[in-house]
Amino acid sequence: MALYTRGGDRGETSLFDGSRVAKDDLRVVAYGELDELNSLLGLCRCAAGASVINGRAEQVQHELFAIGRELATPPGGRRFGSAGCISPEQSKRLEDWIDEACKLVIPLKDFVLPGGTELAARLHLARTCCRRAERSVVTLHGVTGVREEIIIYLNRLSDLLFAWARQANHEAGVEDILWVPLK
């Protein structure tokens, strides 16, 4: 089977139910940004080594694929089923991971600039990509509806990526770079 199908040569793509939409359809944009986030998480994992972050980030990657599958299925579309892919328990697990990471570092009193270690910088980039994906999903929700659990999950995930960036710096013995306001 060839990798190319020529099906998108006119600016359209297929959703999971087989319907065709423009490649700039809000649904395609939303799951496309999740795909970009997933790729960035893969890049983060390359720098995470044997860290607990690596295995957990892989779990998140699987969940992002499941969210993408749900977003690629229009309301009432077939092949997805009635059950959602993300549950409140998964968002709670992200909160638990945030709490674990925050216990390792000193509480923040100032804003942190992205950077420090390579892993932390990658995680900050993934965090900003996650926020953009979240905004796209919220836009899609305003037009066609998206399950609230997905929006909550993405909101928690961006917080987790920030916490992991701080954890990565801490574990490497590198201090966070605090923002200094201009005078």
N, C-alpha and C. Protein backbone atom coordinates (compact mmCIF):
# COMPACT_ATOMS: atom_id res chain seq x y z
N MET A 1 0.83 -1.18 0.00
CA MET A 1 0.00 0.00 0.00
C MET A 1 0.88 1.25 0.00
N ALA A 2 0.58 2.19 -0.85
CA ALA A 2 1.35 3.42 -0.94
C ALA A 2 0.99 4.35 0.21
N LEU A 3 1.97 5.13 0.66
CA LEU A 3 1.75 6.10 1.71
C LEU A 3 0.85 7.24 1.23
N TYR A 4 0.97 7.57 -0.02
CA TYR A 4 0.16 8.68 -0.56
C TYR A 4 -1.12 8.12 -1.18
N THR A 5 -2.19 8.91 -1.05
CA THR A 5 -3.48 8.49 -1.59
C THR A 5 -3.99 9.43 -2.67
N ARG A 6 -3.44 10.61 -2.72
CA ARG A 6 -3.88 11.68 -3.61
C ARG A 6 -5.26 12.23 -3.24
N GLY A 7 -5.83 11.70 -2.15
CA GLY A 7 -7.16 12.13 -1.73
C GLY A 7 -7.20 13.56 -1.22
N GLY A 8 -6.07 14.09 -0.81
CA GLY A 8 -6.03 15.45 -0.28
C GLY A 8 -5.48 16.48 -1.25
N ASP A 9 -5.31 16.07 -2.48
CA ASP A 9 -4.68 16.97 -3.46
C ASP A 9 -5.50 18.21 -3.76
N ARG A 10 -6.75 18.20 -3.41
CA ARG A 10 -7.62 19.37 -3.67
C ARG A 10 -7.99 20.09 -2.37
N GLY A 11 -7.18 19.85 -1.33
CA GLY A 11 -7.39 20.58 -0.09
C GLY A 11 -8.45 20.01 0.82
N GLU A 12 -8.80 18.75 0.64
CA GLU A 12 -9.77 18.09 1.50
C GLU A 12 -9.14 16.87 2.16
N THR A 13 -9.77 16.43 3.23
CA THR A 13 -9.33 15.22 3.92
C THR A 13 -10.56 14.48 4.43
N SER A 14 -10.36 13.23 4.79
CA SER A 14 -11.47 12.41 5.30
C SER A 14 -11.46 12.38 6.81
N LEU A 15 -12.65 12.47 7.40
CA LEU A 15 -12.80 12.25 8.82
C LEU A 15 -13.00 10.76 9.06
N PHE A 16 -13.05 10.35 10.33
CA PHE A 16 -13.17 8.92 10.64
C PHE A 16 -14.42 8.27 10.08
N ASP A 17 -15.47 9.03 9.91
CA ASP A 17 -16.70 8.45 9.39
C ASP A 17 -16.74 8.42 7.86
N GLY A 18 -15.65 8.86 7.23
CA GLY A 18 -15.57 8.86 5.78
C GLY A 18 -16.01 10.15 5.12
N SER A 19 -16.62 11.06 5.89
CA SER A 19 -17.03 12.33 5.29
C SER A 19 -15.80 13.16 4.94
N ARG A 20 -15.95 14.01 3.95
CA ARG A 20 -14.85 14.85 3.47
C ARG A 20 -15.06 16.28 3.95
N VAL A 21 -13.96 16.89 4.41
CA VAL A 21 -13.99 18.28 4.84
C VAL A 21 -12.72 18.97 4.34
N ALA A 22 -12.75 20.30 4.34
CA ALA A 22 -11.55 21.07 3.97
C ALA A 22 -10.46 20.85 5.01
N LYS A 23 -9.23 20.90 4.56
CA LYS A 23 -8.11 20.68 5.48
C LYS A 23 -7.98 21.79 6.52
N ASP A 24 -8.65 22.92 6.29
CA ASP A 24 -8.64 23.98 7.30
C ASP A 24 -9.93 24.01 8.12
N ASP A 25 -10.72 22.95 8.05
CA ASP A 25 -11.91 22.81 8.88
C ASP A 25 -11.48 22.86 10.35
N LEU A 26 -12.29 23.48 11.20
CA LEU A 26 -11.93 23.62 12.61
C LEU A 26 -11.61 22.28 13.27
N ARG A 27 -12.30 21.24 12.87
CA ARG A 27 -12.06 19.91 13.43
C ARG A 27 -10.67 19.41 13.04
N VAL A 28 -10.30 19.61 11.79
CA VAL A 28 -8.99 19.17 11.31
C VAL A 28 -7.88 19.99 11.96
N VAL A 29 -8.11 21.28 12.11
CA VAL A 29 -7.12 22.15 12.77
C VAL A 29 -6.91 21.67 14.20
N ALA A 30 -7.99 21.37 14.91
CA ALA A 30 -7.88 20.96 16.31
C ALA A 30 -7.09 19.66 16.45
N TYR A 31 -7.44 18.64 15.67
CA TYR A 31 -6.69 17.39 15.85
C TYR A 31 -5.30 17.48 15.22
N GLY A 32 -5.12 18.38 14.27
CA GLY A 32 -3.78 18.61 13.72
C GLY A 32 -2.85 19.23 14.76
N GLU A 33 -3.38 20.12 15.57
CA GLU A 33 -2.55 20.72 16.61
C GLU A 33 -2.25 19.73 17.72
N LEU A 34 -3.16 18.80 17.97
CA LEU A 34 -2.86 17.71 18.91
C LEU A 34 -1.75 16.82 18.36
N ASP A 35 -1.76 16.60 17.06
CA ASP A 35 -0.71 15.80 16.42
C ASP A 35 0.65 16.50 16.58
N GLU A 36 0.67 17.82 16.40
CA GLU A 36 1.91 18.57 16.59
C GLU A 36 2.38 18.45 18.04
N LEU A 37 1.47 18.58 18.98
CA LEU A 37 1.82 18.41 20.40
C LEU A 37 2.38 17.02 20.66
N ASN A 38 1.76 16.02 20.07
CA ASN A 38 2.23 14.65 20.25
C ASN A 38 3.65 14.50 19.73
N SER A 39 3.93 15.11 18.59
CA SER A 39 5.29 15.06 18.04
C SER A 39 6.28 15.76 18.97
N LEU A 40 5.89 16.89 19.53
CA LEU A 40 6.76 17.59 20.47
C LEU A 40 7.01 16.76 21.72
N LEU A 41 6.00 16.03 22.17
CA LEU A 41 6.21 15.15 23.31
C LEU A 41 7.22 14.05 22.98
N GLY A 42 7.19 13.58 21.74
CA GLY A 42 8.20 12.61 21.32
C GLY A 42 9.59 13.22 21.38
N LEU A 43 9.71 14.47 20.99
CA LEU A 43 10.99 15.18 21.07
C LEU A 43 11.42 15.36 22.53
N CYS A 44 10.47 15.65 23.40
CA CYS A 44 10.77 15.75 24.83
C CYS A 44 11.29 14.43 25.37
N ARG A 45 10.66 13.35 24.95
CA ARG A 45 11.06 12.04 25.44
C ARG A 45 12.48 11.69 25.03
N CYS A 46 12.93 12.20 23.88
CA CYS A 46 14.31 11.95 23.45
C CYS A 46 15.31 12.53 24.44
N ALA A 47 14.95 13.63 25.09
CA ALA A 47 15.83 14.27 26.05
C ALA A 47 15.58 13.80 27.48
N ALA A 48 14.51 13.04 27.71
CA ALA A 48 14.13 12.65 29.07
C ALA A 48 14.91 11.45 29.58
N GLY A 49 15.52 10.68 28.68
CA GLY A 49 16.28 9.52 29.12
C GLY A 49 15.43 8.56 29.93
N ALA A 50 15.97 8.11 31.05
CA ALA A 50 15.28 7.13 31.89
C ALA A 50 14.37 7.80 32.93
N SER A 51 14.18 9.09 32.82
CA SER A 51 13.34 9.82 33.77
C SER A 51 11.92 9.29 33.77
N VAL A 52 11.25 9.43 34.92
CA VAL A 52 9.85 9.05 35.04
C VAL A 52 9.01 9.84 34.04
N ILE A 53 9.47 11.03 33.69
CA ILE A 53 8.77 11.86 32.71
C ILE A 53 8.62 11.12 31.39
N ASN A 54 9.62 10.37 31.00
CA ASN A 54 9.60 9.68 29.71
C ASN A 54 8.42 8.72 29.60
N GLY A 55 8.29 7.85 30.56
CA GLY A 55 7.19 6.87 30.52
C GLY A 55 5.83 7.52 30.63
N ARG A 56 5.73 8.53 31.45
CA ARG A 56 4.46 9.22 31.60
C ARG A 56 4.11 10.01 30.34
N ALA A 57 5.11 10.61 29.73
CA ALA A 57 4.87 11.34 28.48
C ALA A 57 4.40 10.38 27.38
N GLU A 58 4.91 9.16 27.37
CA GLU A 58 4.43 8.18 26.39
C GLU A 58 2.96 7.87 26.63
N GLN A 59 2.58 7.74 27.88
CA GLN A 59 1.17 7.48 28.19
C GLN A 59 0.30 8.64 27.68
N VAL A 60 0.77 9.86 27.89
CA VAL A 60 0.04 11.04 27.40
C VAL A 60 -0.05 11.00 25.88
N GLN A 61 1.02 10.57 25.20
CA GLN A 61 0.98 10.48 23.73
C GLN A 61 -0.15 9.56 23.27
N HIS A 62 -0.30 8.43 23.93
CA HIS A 62 -1.38 7.51 23.57
C HIS A 62 -2.74 8.18 23.78
N GLU A 63 -2.87 8.91 24.87
CA GLU A 63 -4.13 9.58 25.15
C GLU A 63 -4.42 10.69 24.15
N LEU A 64 -3.38 11.40 23.71
CA LEU A 64 -3.58 12.44 22.69
C LEU A 64 -4.04 11.83 21.37
N PHE A 65 -3.53 10.66 21.02
CA PHE A 65 -4.02 9.98 19.82
C PHE A 65 -5.50 9.65 19.96
N ALA A 66 -5.89 9.19 21.15
CA ALA A 66 -7.30 8.86 21.37
C ALA A 66 -8.18 10.11 21.28
N ILE A 67 -7.69 11.23 21.81
CA ILE A 67 -8.45 12.48 21.70
C ILE A 67 -8.55 12.88 20.24
N GLY A 68 -7.46 12.76 19.50
CA GLY A 68 -7.48 13.08 18.07
C GLY A 68 -8.49 12.23 17.32
N ARG A 69 -8.57 10.96 17.68
CA ARG A 69 -9.56 10.07 17.06
C ARG A 69 -10.97 10.56 17.34
N GLU A 70 -11.21 10.97 18.58
CA GLU A 70 -12.54 11.47 18.92
C GLU A 70 -12.84 12.76 18.16
N LEU A 71 -11.87 13.65 18.08
CA LEU A 71 -12.09 14.92 17.38
C LEU A 71 -12.26 14.70 15.87
N ALA A 72 -11.67 13.65 15.34
CA ALA A 72 -11.77 13.36 13.90
C ALA A 72 -13.08 12.66 13.55
N THR A 73 -13.93 12.45 14.54
CA THR A 73 -15.23 11.84 14.33
C THR A 73 -16.30 12.89 14.56
N PRO A 74 -17.00 13.29 13.52
CA PRO A 74 -18.04 14.32 13.72
C PRO A 74 -19.16 13.79 14.60
N PRO A 75 -19.93 14.70 15.21
CA PRO A 75 -21.04 14.25 16.05
C PRO A 75 -21.93 13.26 15.30
N GLY A 76 -22.21 12.15 15.93
CA GLY A 76 -23.04 11.12 15.31
C GLY A 76 -22.30 10.25 14.31
N GLY A 77 -20.99 10.50 14.14
CA GLY A 77 -20.21 9.73 13.17
C GLY A 77 -20.03 8.30 13.61
N ARG A 78 -19.91 7.40 12.65
CA ARG A 78 -19.73 5.98 12.97
C ARG A 78 -18.24 5.67 13.17
N ARG A 79 -17.95 4.50 13.63
CA ARG A 79 -16.62 3.95 13.87
C ARG A 79 -16.00 4.40 15.17
N PHE A 80 -16.62 5.32 15.90
CA PHE A 80 -16.04 5.71 17.18
C PHE A 80 -16.80 5.11 18.35
N GLY A 81 -18.08 4.99 18.21
CA GLY A 81 -18.89 4.47 19.31
C GLY A 81 -19.36 5.60 20.20
N SER A 82 -20.09 5.25 21.20
CA SER A 82 -20.69 6.28 22.05
C SER A 82 -19.80 6.67 23.22
N ALA A 83 -18.85 5.83 23.60
CA ALA A 83 -18.02 6.13 24.76
C ALA A 83 -16.91 7.10 24.37
N GLY A 84 -16.62 8.01 25.27
CA GLY A 84 -15.53 8.95 25.05
C GLY A 84 -14.20 8.32 25.39
N CYS A 85 -13.15 8.96 24.97
CA CYS A 85 -11.82 8.38 25.18
C CYS A 85 -11.14 8.91 26.44
N ILE A 86 -11.50 10.10 26.87
CA ILE A 86 -10.87 10.70 28.03
C ILE A 86 -11.91 10.84 29.13
N SER A 87 -11.51 10.43 30.33
CA SER A 87 -12.43 10.46 31.46
C SER A 87 -11.90 11.41 32.53
N PRO A 88 -12.74 11.77 33.47
CA PRO A 88 -12.27 12.60 34.58
C PRO A 88 -11.11 11.95 35.35
N GLU A 89 -11.06 10.63 35.39
CA GLU A 89 -9.98 9.94 36.10
C GLU A 89 -8.61 10.24 35.46
N GLN A 90 -8.59 10.36 34.15
CA GLN A 90 -7.31 10.64 33.49
C GLN A 90 -6.84 12.07 33.81
N SER A 91 -7.76 13.01 33.88
CA SER A 91 -7.39 14.37 34.27
C SER A 91 -6.94 14.40 35.73
N LYS A 92 -7.57 13.61 36.57
CA LYS A 92 -7.16 13.52 37.97
C LYS A 92 -5.75 12.95 38.07
N ARG A 93 -5.43 11.98 37.25
CA ARG A 93 -4.08 11.41 37.24
C ARG A 93 -3.06 12.48 36.87
N LEU A 94 -3.41 13.33 35.90
CA LEU A 94 -2.50 14.43 35.54
C LEU A 94 -2.31 15.36 36.74
N GLU A 95 -3.39 15.64 37.47
CA GLU A 95 -3.28 16.48 38.67
C GLU A 95 -2.35 15.84 39.70
N ASP A 96 -2.44 14.53 39.86
CA ASP A 96 -1.55 13.83 40.80
C ASP A 96 -0.09 13.98 40.36
N TRP A 97 0.16 13.86 39.07
CA TRP A 97 1.52 14.02 38.55
C TRP A 97 2.01 15.45 38.75
N ILE A 98 1.12 16.43 38.57
CA ILE A 98 1.49 17.83 38.81
C ILE A 98 1.90 18.00 40.27
N ASP A 99 1.08 17.47 41.17
CA ASP A 99 1.38 17.59 42.60
C ASP A 99 2.73 16.95 42.93
N GLU A 100 3.01 15.78 42.36
CA GLU A 100 4.30 15.11 42.59
C GLU A 100 5.46 15.98 42.12
N ALA A 101 5.33 16.55 40.93
CA ALA A 101 6.41 17.39 40.39
C ALA A 101 6.59 18.65 41.22
N CYS A 102 5.50 19.25 41.66
CA CYS A 102 5.58 20.50 42.43
C CYS A 102 6.20 20.29 43.81
N LYS A 103 6.07 19.10 44.37
CA LYS A 103 6.68 18.81 45.68
C LYS A 103 8.20 18.80 45.60
N LEU A 104 8.74 18.62 44.40
CA LEU A 104 10.19 18.55 44.23
C LEU A 104 10.86 19.91 44.15
N VAL A 105 10.10 20.95 43.85
CA VAL A 105 10.68 22.27 43.59
C VAL A 105 10.14 23.30 44.58
N ILE A 106 10.85 24.41 44.68
CA ILE A 106 10.37 25.46 45.58
C ILE A 106 9.14 26.13 44.97
N PRO A 107 8.22 26.58 45.80
CA PRO A 107 7.03 27.27 45.26
C PRO A 107 7.42 28.52 44.49
N LEU A 108 6.66 28.80 43.48
CA LEU A 108 6.94 29.97 42.64
C LEU A 108 6.37 31.24 43.25
N LYS A 109 7.16 32.31 43.14
CA LYS A 109 6.70 33.64 43.53
C LYS A 109 6.79 34.59 42.35
N ASP A 110 7.46 34.13 41.29
CA ASP A 110 7.67 34.94 40.09
C ASP A 110 7.37 34.10 38.86
N PHE A 111 7.26 34.78 37.72
CA PHE A 111 7.12 34.06 36.46
C PHE A 111 8.46 33.43 36.09
N VAL A 112 8.39 32.32 35.37
CA VAL A 112 9.59 31.60 34.94
C VAL A 112 9.74 31.75 33.43
N LEU A 113 10.95 32.05 33.00
CA LEU A 113 11.22 32.09 31.57
C LEU A 113 11.47 30.66 31.09
N PRO A 114 10.97 30.32 29.90
CA PRO A 114 11.26 28.99 29.35
C PRO A 114 12.77 28.81 29.16
N GLY A 115 13.26 27.67 29.58
CA GLY A 115 14.68 27.39 29.39
C GLY A 115 15.24 26.58 30.52
N GLY A 116 16.55 26.68 30.66
CA GLY A 116 17.27 25.87 31.64
C GLY A 116 17.92 24.72 30.91
N THR A 117 17.49 23.51 31.22
CA THR A 117 18.02 22.34 30.52
C THR A 117 17.32 22.18 29.17
N GLU A 118 17.91 21.36 28.33
CA GLU A 118 17.29 21.10 27.02
C GLU A 118 15.91 20.46 27.20
N LEU A 119 15.79 19.52 28.14
CA LEU A 119 14.50 18.89 28.37
C LEU A 119 13.47 19.92 28.85
N ALA A 120 13.85 20.79 29.76
CA ALA A 120 12.92 21.81 30.25
C ALA A 120 12.48 22.73 29.11
N ALA A 121 13.42 23.13 28.28
CA ALA A 121 13.06 24.01 27.15
C ALA A 121 12.10 23.31 26.20
N ARG A 122 12.33 22.03 25.95
CA ARG A 122 11.42 21.27 25.09
C ARG A 122 10.03 21.15 25.72
N LEU A 123 10.00 20.92 27.02
CA LEU A 123 8.72 20.81 27.72
C LEU A 123 7.96 22.13 27.70
N HIS A 124 8.68 23.24 27.83
CA HIS A 124 8.02 24.55 27.74
C HIS A 124 7.44 24.76 26.34
N LEU A 125 8.16 24.34 25.32
CA LEU A 125 7.65 24.45 23.95
C LEU A 125 6.39 23.58 23.79
N ALA A 126 6.43 22.37 24.33
CA ALA A 126 5.25 21.50 24.28
C ALA A 126 4.09 22.14 25.04
N ARG A 127 4.38 22.81 26.15
CA ARG A 127 3.32 23.48 26.93
C ARG A 127 2.63 24.55 26.10
N THR A 128 3.41 25.35 25.37
CA THR A 128 2.78 26.40 24.56
C THR A 128 1.99 25.81 23.41
N CYS A 129 2.48 24.72 22.85
CA CYS A 129 1.75 24.02 21.79
C CYS A 129 0.45 23.44 22.35
N CYS A 130 0.51 22.93 23.57
CA CYS A 130 -0.69 22.38 24.22
C CYS A 130 -1.72 23.48 24.42
N ARG A 131 -1.29 24.66 24.83
CA ARG A 131 -2.23 25.77 25.02
C ARG A 131 -2.89 26.16 23.69
N ARG A 132 -2.11 26.15 22.61
CA ARG A 132 -2.68 26.47 21.29
C ARG A 132 -3.69 25.40 20.88
N ALA A 133 -3.35 24.14 21.10
CA ALA A 133 -4.29 23.06 20.78
C ALA A 133 -5.56 23.20 21.62
N GLU A 134 -5.40 23.55 22.88
CA GLU A 134 -6.56 23.74 23.75
C GLU A 134 -7.45 24.86 23.20
N ARG A 135 -6.84 25.96 22.75
CA ARG A 135 -7.64 27.06 22.19
C ARG A 135 -8.40 26.60 20.95
N SER A 136 -7.78 25.79 20.12
CA SER A 136 -8.46 25.28 18.92
C SER A 136 -9.62 24.36 19.29
N VAL A 137 -9.43 23.55 20.30
CA VAL A 137 -10.50 22.66 20.74
C VAL A 137 -11.65 23.48 21.33
N VAL A 138 -11.33 24.53 22.06
CA VAL A 138 -12.37 25.40 22.61
C VAL A 138 -13.14 26.08 21.47
N THR A 139 -12.43 26.51 20.44
CA THR A 139 -13.09 27.10 19.27
C THR A 139 -14.03 26.09 18.62
N LEU A 140 -13.55 24.87 18.43
CA LEU A 140 -14.38 23.81 17.86
C LEU A 140 -15.58 23.56 18.76
N HIS A 141 -15.37 23.55 20.06
CA HIS A 141 -16.46 23.34 21.01
C HIS A 141 -17.55 24.39 20.84
N GLY A 142 -17.15 25.63 20.60
CA GLY A 142 -18.11 26.70 20.42
C GLY A 142 -18.96 26.56 19.18
N VAL A 143 -18.46 25.81 18.20
CA VAL A 143 -19.18 25.64 16.93
C VAL A 143 -19.98 24.34 16.90
N THR A 144 -19.36 23.25 17.34
CA THR A 144 -20.01 21.95 17.18
C THR A 144 -20.09 21.13 18.46
N GLY A 145 -19.46 21.59 19.50
CA GLY A 145 -19.49 20.86 20.76
C GLY A 145 -18.38 19.83 20.85
N VAL A 146 -17.69 19.84 21.97
CA VAL A 146 -16.64 18.88 22.29
C VAL A 146 -16.87 18.50 23.75
N ARG A 147 -16.65 17.26 24.06
CA ARG A 147 -16.84 16.83 25.45
C ARG A 147 -15.95 17.64 26.39
N GLU A 148 -16.54 18.06 27.49
CA GLU A 148 -15.83 18.89 28.47
C GLU A 148 -14.57 18.20 28.99
N GLU A 149 -14.59 16.87 29.11
CA GLU A 149 -13.44 16.14 29.62
C GLU A 149 -12.19 16.39 28.79
N ILE A 150 -12.35 16.58 27.49
CA ILE A 150 -11.20 16.83 26.62
C ILE A 150 -10.59 18.19 26.93
N ILE A 151 -11.43 19.19 27.10
CA ILE A 151 -10.94 20.54 27.40
C ILE A 151 -10.24 20.55 28.76
N ILE A 152 -10.83 19.89 29.73
CA ILE A 152 -10.22 19.81 31.07
C ILE A 152 -8.87 19.10 30.98
N TYR A 153 -8.83 17.98 30.26
CA TYR A 153 -7.59 17.22 30.13
C TYR A 153 -6.47 18.09 29.54
N LEU A 154 -6.77 18.81 28.47
CA LEU A 154 -5.75 19.64 27.83
C LEU A 154 -5.30 20.78 28.74
N ASN A 155 -6.21 21.33 29.52
CA ASN A 155 -5.86 22.37 30.46
C ASN A 155 -4.91 21.83 31.52
N ARG A 156 -5.21 20.64 32.06
CA ARG A 156 -4.32 20.02 33.04
C ARG A 156 -2.98 19.65 32.42
N LEU A 157 -3.02 19.18 31.18
CA LEU A 157 -1.78 18.76 30.53
C LEU A 157 -0.81 19.93 30.38
N SER A 158 -1.29 21.09 30.02
CA SER A 158 -0.38 22.23 29.89
C SER A 158 0.24 22.58 31.25
N ASP A 159 -0.55 22.48 32.32
CA ASP A 159 0.01 22.70 33.66
C ASP A 159 1.05 21.64 33.99
N LEU A 160 0.78 20.40 33.62
CA LEU A 160 1.73 19.32 33.87
C LEU A 160 3.04 19.55 33.13
N LEU A 161 2.95 19.99 31.89
CA LEU A 161 4.18 20.22 31.11
C LEU A 161 5.03 21.32 31.76
N PHE A 162 4.37 22.34 32.32
CA PHE A 162 5.10 23.38 33.06
C PHE A 162 5.77 22.78 34.29
N ALA A 163 5.00 21.97 35.05
CA ALA A 163 5.56 21.35 36.25
C ALA A 163 6.72 20.42 35.90
N TRP A 164 6.58 19.68 34.80
CA TRP A 164 7.68 18.80 34.39
C TRP A 164 8.91 19.59 33.97
N ALA A 165 8.72 20.74 33.34
CA ALA A 165 9.87 21.57 32.96
C ALA A 165 10.64 22.01 34.20
N ARG A 166 9.91 22.41 35.22
CA ARG A 166 10.56 22.80 36.47
C ARG A 166 11.23 21.58 37.12
N GLN A 167 10.56 20.43 37.06
CA GLN A 167 11.14 19.21 37.62
C GLN A 167 12.43 18.84 36.88
N ALA A 168 12.41 18.95 35.56
CA ALA A 168 13.60 18.60 34.77
C ALA A 168 14.78 19.49 35.16
N ASN A 169 14.54 20.78 35.31
CA ASN A 169 15.62 21.67 35.74
C ASN A 169 16.12 21.29 37.13
N HIS A 170 15.20 21.04 38.04
CA HIS A 170 15.57 20.69 39.41
C HIS A 170 16.42 19.41 39.44
N GLU A 171 15.97 18.39 38.72
CA GLU A 171 16.70 17.11 38.72
C GLU A 171 18.08 17.24 38.11
N ALA A 172 18.27 18.22 37.22
CA ALA A 172 19.59 18.44 36.61
C ALA A 172 20.43 19.44 37.41
N GLY A 173 19.86 19.98 38.49
CA GLY A 173 20.60 20.95 39.29
C GLY A 173 20.68 22.32 38.64
N VAL A 174 19.74 22.62 37.77
CA VAL A 174 19.71 23.90 37.06
C VAL A 174 18.55 24.72 37.62
N GLU A 175 18.84 25.96 38.00
CA GLU A 175 17.78 26.81 38.55
C GLU A 175 16.88 27.33 37.43
N ASP A 176 15.59 27.49 37.78
CA ASP A 176 14.67 28.14 36.85
C ASP A 176 15.15 29.56 36.61
N ILE A 177 14.88 30.07 35.43
CA ILE A 177 15.22 31.44 35.09
C ILE A 177 14.00 32.30 35.39
N LEU A 178 14.10 33.14 36.39
CA LEU A 178 12.98 33.96 36.79
C LEU A 178 12.89 35.21 35.92
N TRP A 179 11.66 35.60 35.61
CA TRP A 179 11.43 36.81 34.83
C TRP A 179 11.70 38.02 35.69
N VAL A 180 12.43 38.96 35.13
CA VAL A 180 12.70 40.22 35.80
C VAL A 180 12.00 41.31 35.03
N PRO A 181 10.99 41.95 35.62
CA PRO A 181 10.26 43.00 34.89
C PRO A 181 11.18 44.16 34.51
N LEU A 182 10.90 44.76 33.37
CA LEU A 182 11.65 45.93 32.94
C LEU A 182 11.32 47.10 33.85
N LYS A 183 12.31 47.93 34.08
CA LYS A 183 12.07 49.09 34.95
C LYS A 183 11.98 50.35 34.15
